[in-house]
Amino acid sequence: MKLISICPSNTELAVYLGLKNDLIALDDFSDWPLELNYLPKLGPDLSIDMDLLESYKPDLVLASLSVPGMEKNVKELEARNIPHIVFNPQSFSDIASDLELLGKATGKEAETRDVLKKYNHTLNTYRAISETIDQPPSVYFEWWPNPIFTPGKINWLTELSELAGAKNIFDDVELASVQTNWDDVFNRNPDHICLSWVGVKQSRMKISHVLKRVNAQDLKAVKNGHIHLLEESLFCRPSPRLLYGLQKLAFRLHPTLYPQPQENELLL
C-alpha cells in the first residue's frame, strides 16, 4: 500500500503499526525514525506541495488538523479526490482510536491489537503509580516563549503530567492551547518548569531564557533548579511516542517511584 504522511505524528502512528515500508513520501518535519530520511519530502506540514504529492498517486494520505493552518491541506486533498484520513487527537484515548482507524484502513487489525495491548499496558502501569502520589508537584509546560503558549486542560500534556505524578498548572483552563503571559505563570509559581518549544530543537533552548524574566529567581522551580529542557518530538506531537516522553518525565520527577525509560521505545 502506498502511504504518504504529511504530519510528523502521523508518520509515527504508521511506524508503530509496522507500516514503515509502505510510506513513499513525507512532510519536511517527519524526522523519526532516522531510516526514513531517504524518502522524498513534500514541504513543511503547513505548506505541502500538493502537485508533487498527487504525482506519487498514493493509495492513502495521512493528514492532520493538530496545528492551525493544516485545514488547507485537507481542503486540497478533498478538492483533488485524493484518498485520505484526517487525525486530530487531544488525548491518549484519541491516539488509541487513531491507531485503530489506521489499522482498519490498512488491513493491519492484528498488528493494531498487539500495539494497543502494549500501549494500554504502559498507560495502566503509570496510572497505577501516579495514584500512589499524595501531593503531586505542579508543572508548567512552555510551548512557545513570546508570546507564551502553554497546554490547557484539553491536551495530552495535562494527561501526561498526571500519569507522571504531577499536575499541569494550567489544567483549569478549558482549552487545548493557552496564550498567557509571564505574570500569570509567575503567580501560579510552579514546582517544575518544562521547556518544549514547538519546532525548536532541544539544543537551541536555553534555561537562560527563563532566568532573564522578571522575578524569575523567586520561583520555586528556579530556586530548586527544576527547569527542564524536553525534546519537542516527545512532548509536542500527538503520537504513541508520547509514551516515551511520559517515561522520561516521570523518572525525572520521581526517580524512586517510576522505572527507568526503555531504550527501545517501540517496545513500550
Protein backbone atom coordinates (compact mmCIF):
# COMPACT_ATOMS: atom_id res chain seq x y z
CA MET A 1 0.00 0.00 0.00
CA LYS A 2 1.39 3.41 -0.98
CA LEU A 3 1.09 5.72 2.02
CA ILE A 4 2.01 9.39 2.33
CA SER A 5 2.18 11.16 5.70
CA ILE A 6 2.03 14.96 5.81
CA CYS A 7 2.47 15.38 9.56
CA PRO A 8 5.21 14.01 11.89
CA SER A 9 2.77 12.48 14.39
CA ASN A 10 1.03 10.60 11.56
CA THR A 11 4.36 9.22 10.36
CA GLU A 12 4.96 7.94 13.89
CA LEU A 13 1.49 6.34 14.02
CA ALA A 14 2.29 4.47 10.82
CA VAL A 15 5.67 3.28 12.08
CA TYR A 16 4.16 1.98 15.33
CA LEU A 17 1.76 -0.13 13.26
CA GLY A 18 4.58 -1.63 11.19
CA LEU A 19 3.81 0.44 8.09
CA LYS A 20 7.28 1.93 7.72
CA ASN A 21 7.92 0.20 4.39
CA ASP A 22 4.58 1.39 2.98
CA LEU A 23 5.50 5.07 3.29
CA ILE A 24 6.57 6.61 -0.02
CA ALA A 25 6.82 10.35 0.84
CA LEU A 26 6.69 12.60 3.91
CA ASP A 27 6.40 16.20 5.06
CA ASP A 28 9.68 18.01 5.78
CA PHE A 29 9.34 17.76 9.57
CA SER A 30 8.90 13.99 9.84
CA ASP A 31 12.26 13.06 11.36
CA TRP A 32 11.62 9.75 13.14
CA PRO A 33 12.80 7.12 12.65
CA LEU A 34 16.01 8.27 11.01
CA GLU A 35 15.97 5.47 8.43
CA LEU A 36 13.05 7.20 6.69
CA ASN A 37 15.16 10.23 5.82
CA TYR A 38 15.74 8.84 2.32
CA LEU A 39 12.08 9.32 1.38
CA PRO A 40 11.03 12.27 -0.82
CA LYS A 41 9.95 15.35 1.11
CA LEU A 42 6.82 17.32 0.16
CA GLY A 43 7.42 20.56 2.04
CA PRO A 44 6.56 21.83 5.55
CA ASP A 45 3.42 20.35 7.10
CA LEU A 46 1.64 23.71 6.70
CA SER A 47 2.69 24.14 3.07
CA ILE A 48 2.54 20.73 1.40
CA ASP A 49 3.30 20.65 -2.34
CA MET A 50 0.04 19.07 -3.45
CA ASP A 51 1.06 18.76 -7.07
CA LEU A 52 4.10 16.75 -6.05
CA LEU A 53 2.03 14.71 -3.60
CA GLU A 54 -0.53 13.89 -6.25
CA SER A 55 2.19 12.81 -8.69
CA TYR A 56 3.06 9.88 -6.41
CA LYS A 57 -0.51 8.51 -6.78
CA PRO A 58 -0.88 7.46 -3.13
CA ASP A 59 -3.42 4.88 -2.02
CA LEU A 60 -3.90 6.85 1.21
CA VAL A 61 -2.69 10.16 2.64
CA LEU A 62 -2.43 10.61 6.40
CA ALA A 63 -3.49 14.20 7.09
CA SER A 64 -3.91 16.13 10.33
CA LEU A 65 -5.60 19.09 11.99
CA SER A 66 -3.32 19.15 15.03
CA VAL A 67 -1.84 22.55 14.09
CA PRO A 68 -3.87 25.59 12.97
CA GLY A 69 -3.41 26.04 9.22
CA MET A 70 -3.39 22.35 8.34
CA GLU A 71 -7.02 22.56 7.27
CA LYS A 72 -5.93 23.91 3.89
CA ASN A 73 -4.15 20.60 3.21
CA VAL A 74 -7.37 18.72 3.93
CA LYS A 75 -9.40 21.01 1.64
CA GLU A 76 -6.90 20.47 -1.15
CA LEU A 77 -6.98 16.69 -0.71
CA GLU A 78 -10.76 16.80 -0.87
CA ALA A 79 -10.76 19.01 -3.96
CA ARG A 80 -8.40 16.61 -5.77
CA ASN A 81 -10.31 13.49 -4.61
CA ILE A 82 -7.15 12.02 -3.11
CA PRO A 83 -7.93 9.24 -0.58
CA HIS A 84 -7.06 10.43 2.89
CA ILE A 85 -7.66 10.14 6.64
CA VAL A 86 -7.62 13.14 8.98
CA PHE A 87 -6.38 12.85 12.57
CA ASN A 88 -6.82 15.43 15.33
CA PRO A 89 -6.10 13.74 18.69
CA GLN A 90 -6.06 15.61 22.00
CA SER A 91 -5.64 12.68 24.42
CA PHE A 92 -4.09 9.26 24.80
CA SER A 93 -7.51 7.77 24.16
CA ASP A 94 -7.77 9.72 20.90
CA ILE A 95 -4.37 8.40 19.82
CA ALA A 96 -5.53 4.84 20.51
CA SER A 97 -8.62 5.49 18.37
CA ASP A 98 -6.41 6.83 15.58
CA LEU A 99 -4.28 3.69 15.71
CA GLU A 100 -7.44 1.60 15.35
CA LEU A 101 -8.66 3.71 12.43
CA LEU A 102 -5.35 3.49 10.62
CA GLY A 103 -5.12 -0.23 11.30
CA LYS A 104 -8.54 -0.85 9.72
CA ALA A 105 -7.75 1.37 6.74
CA THR A 106 -4.53 -0.52 6.01
CA GLY A 107 -5.58 -4.07 6.89
CA LYS A 108 -3.40 -4.14 9.99
CA GLU A 109 -6.05 -5.11 12.53
CA ALA A 110 -3.95 -7.87 14.14
CA GLU A 111 -0.90 -5.62 14.44
CA THR A 112 -3.10 -2.88 15.88
CA ARG A 113 -4.37 -5.17 18.63
CA ASP A 114 -0.80 -6.05 19.60
CA VAL A 115 0.27 -2.39 19.61
CA LEU A 116 -2.74 -1.28 21.65
CA LYS A 117 -2.13 -4.04 24.19
CA LYS A 118 1.37 -2.70 24.88
CA TYR A 119 0.18 0.90 24.64
CA ASN A 120 -2.57 0.42 27.23
CA HIS A 121 -0.33 -1.67 29.49
CA THR A 122 2.14 1.23 29.70
CA LEU A 123 -0.63 3.73 30.45
CA ASN A 124 -2.15 1.48 33.13
CA THR A 125 1.25 0.92 34.75
CA TYR A 126 1.95 4.65 35.01
CA ARG A 127 -1.60 5.45 36.10
CA ALA A 128 -1.32 2.96 38.97
CA ILE A 129 1.94 4.51 40.17
CA SER A 130 0.60 8.07 39.87
CA GLU A 131 -2.36 7.20 42.08
CA THR A 132 0.04 6.45 44.95
CA ILE A 133 1.41 10.03 44.95
CA ASP A 134 -0.45 12.12 47.53
CA GLN A 135 0.99 15.56 46.70
CA PRO A 136 1.93 15.71 43.03
CA PRO A 137 4.26 18.61 42.16
CA SER A 138 2.99 21.34 39.84
CA VAL A 139 4.46 21.59 36.34
CA TYR A 140 4.47 24.44 33.83
CA PHE A 141 4.94 23.41 30.20
CA GLU A 142 6.09 26.13 27.85
CA TRP A 143 5.30 25.56 24.17
CA TRP A 144 6.41 28.98 22.99
CA PRO A 145 8.26 31.80 24.78
CA ASN A 146 6.96 35.01 23.17
CA PRO A 147 4.04 35.26 23.32
CA ILE A 148 3.81 32.49 25.87
CA PHE A 149 1.77 29.44 24.89
CA THR A 150 1.14 26.52 27.22
CA PRO A 151 -1.15 23.47 27.13
CA GLY A 152 -4.50 23.76 28.87
CA LYS A 153 -6.87 21.15 30.24
CA ILE A 154 -7.91 19.72 26.86
CA ASN A 155 -4.47 18.48 25.90
CA TRP A 156 -2.38 15.34 26.09
CA LEU A 157 0.28 17.04 28.24
CA THR A 158 -2.19 17.58 31.07
CA GLU A 159 -2.93 13.87 30.99
CA LEU A 160 0.75 13.01 30.58
CA SER A 161 1.70 15.13 33.60
CA GLU A 162 -0.91 13.35 35.74
CA LEU A 163 0.42 9.95 34.65
CA ALA A 164 3.92 11.18 35.53
CA GLY A 165 2.81 12.05 39.06
CA ALA A 166 2.45 15.79 38.51
CA LYS A 167 -0.16 18.49 37.86
CA ASN A 168 -0.27 20.94 34.96
CA ILE A 169 -0.64 24.43 36.48
CA PHE A 170 -2.95 25.41 33.59
CA ASP A 171 -5.29 22.43 33.86
CA ASP A 172 -8.04 24.83 34.99
CA VAL A 173 -8.24 26.44 31.53
CA GLU A 174 -10.69 24.64 29.23
CA LEU A 175 -8.52 24.94 26.13
CA ALA A 176 -6.02 22.77 24.28
CA SER A 177 -3.53 25.64 23.94
CA VAL A 178 -3.46 28.72 26.17
CA GLN A 179 -1.91 32.07 25.31
CA THR A 180 -0.84 33.72 28.54
CA ASN A 181 1.92 35.92 29.98
CA TRP A 182 4.81 35.69 32.41
CA ASP A 183 2.89 37.37 35.24
CA ASP A 184 0.27 34.60 35.09
CA VAL A 185 2.94 31.90 35.14
CA PHE A 186 4.78 33.62 37.99
CA ASN A 187 1.62 33.88 40.10
CA ARG A 188 0.97 30.16 39.68
CA ASN A 189 4.55 29.51 40.94
CA PRO A 190 5.19 26.01 39.56
CA ASP A 191 7.43 23.42 41.21
CA HIS A 192 8.87 22.47 37.82
CA ILE A 193 9.30 24.32 34.53
CA CYS A 194 9.43 22.21 31.35
CA LEU A 195 10.51 23.94 28.16
CA SER A 196 9.45 22.22 24.95
CA TRP A 197 9.14 24.78 22.19
CA VAL A 198 7.23 23.60 19.15
CA GLY A 199 9.51 23.13 16.16
CA VAL A 200 12.67 24.04 18.12
CA LYS A 201 15.43 21.51 18.75
CA GLN A 202 16.37 20.84 22.36
CA SER A 203 19.89 22.16 21.74
CA ARG A 204 18.52 25.61 20.85
CA MET A 205 16.51 26.04 24.05
CA LYS A 206 18.37 27.67 26.92
CA ILE A 207 17.49 27.88 30.60
CA SER A 208 18.80 31.44 30.47
CA HIS A 209 15.67 32.42 28.53
CA VAL A 210 13.66 31.83 31.70
CA LEU A 211 16.21 33.22 34.14
CA LYS A 212 16.15 36.61 32.37
CA ARG A 213 12.45 37.11 33.05
CA VAL A 214 11.14 39.44 35.73
CA ASN A 215 11.49 37.97 39.24
CA ALA A 216 12.26 34.53 37.84
CA GLN A 217 14.70 33.89 40.70
CA ASP A 218 11.78 33.95 43.15
CA LEU A 219 10.00 30.97 41.61
CA LYS A 220 10.10 27.63 43.41
CA ALA A 221 11.20 25.86 40.24
CA VAL A 222 14.17 28.20 39.79
CA LYS A 223 15.21 28.13 43.45
CA ASN A 224 15.29 24.34 43.37
CA GLY A 225 16.94 24.04 39.97
CA HIS A 226 13.90 22.38 38.45
CA ILE A 227 13.99 23.77 34.92
CA HIS A 228 13.95 21.01 32.33
CA LEU A 229 14.67 21.08 28.60
CA LEU A 230 12.43 18.48 26.97
CA GLU A 231 12.59 17.00 23.47
CA GLU A 232 9.94 18.68 21.36
CA SER A 233 9.40 15.46 19.41
CA LEU A 234 8.46 13.53 22.58
CA PHE A 235 6.03 16.05 24.07
CA CYS A 236 4.53 18.20 21.30
CA ARG A 237 3.39 15.53 18.85
CA PRO A 238 0.20 13.52 19.49
CA SER A 239 1.57 10.07 18.66
CA PRO A 240 2.48 6.91 20.62
CA ARG A 241 5.95 8.43 21.15
CA LEU A 242 4.35 10.43 23.96
CA LEU A 243 4.71 7.23 25.99
CA TYR A 244 8.47 7.58 25.77
CA GLY A 245 8.18 11.21 26.83
CA LEU A 246 6.00 10.06 29.72
CA GLN A 247 8.62 7.57 30.84
CA LYS A 248 11.39 10.15 30.73
CA LEU A 249 9.45 12.87 32.57
CA ALA A 250 8.07 10.53 35.23
CA PHE A 251 11.53 9.16 36.01
CA ARG A 252 12.95 12.69 36.15
CA LEU A 253 10.28 13.86 38.60
CA HIS A 254 10.08 10.69 40.72
CA PRO A 255 13.18 8.52 40.13
CA THR A 256 12.44 6.31 43.12
CA LEU A 257 8.86 5.55 42.06
CA TYR A 258 8.94 5.10 38.30
CA PRO A 259 11.08 2.70 36.22
CA GLN A 260 13.90 3.93 34.02
CA PRO A 261 12.84 4.67 30.43
CA GLN A 262 13.20 1.78 27.99
CA GLU A 263 15.99 2.12 25.45
CA ASN A 264 13.77 0.84 22.62
CA GLU A 265 10.63 2.93 22.66
CA LEU A 266 8.92 0.65 20.11
CA LEU A 267 8.74 -1.95 22.89
CA LEU A 268 6.53 0.26 25.07
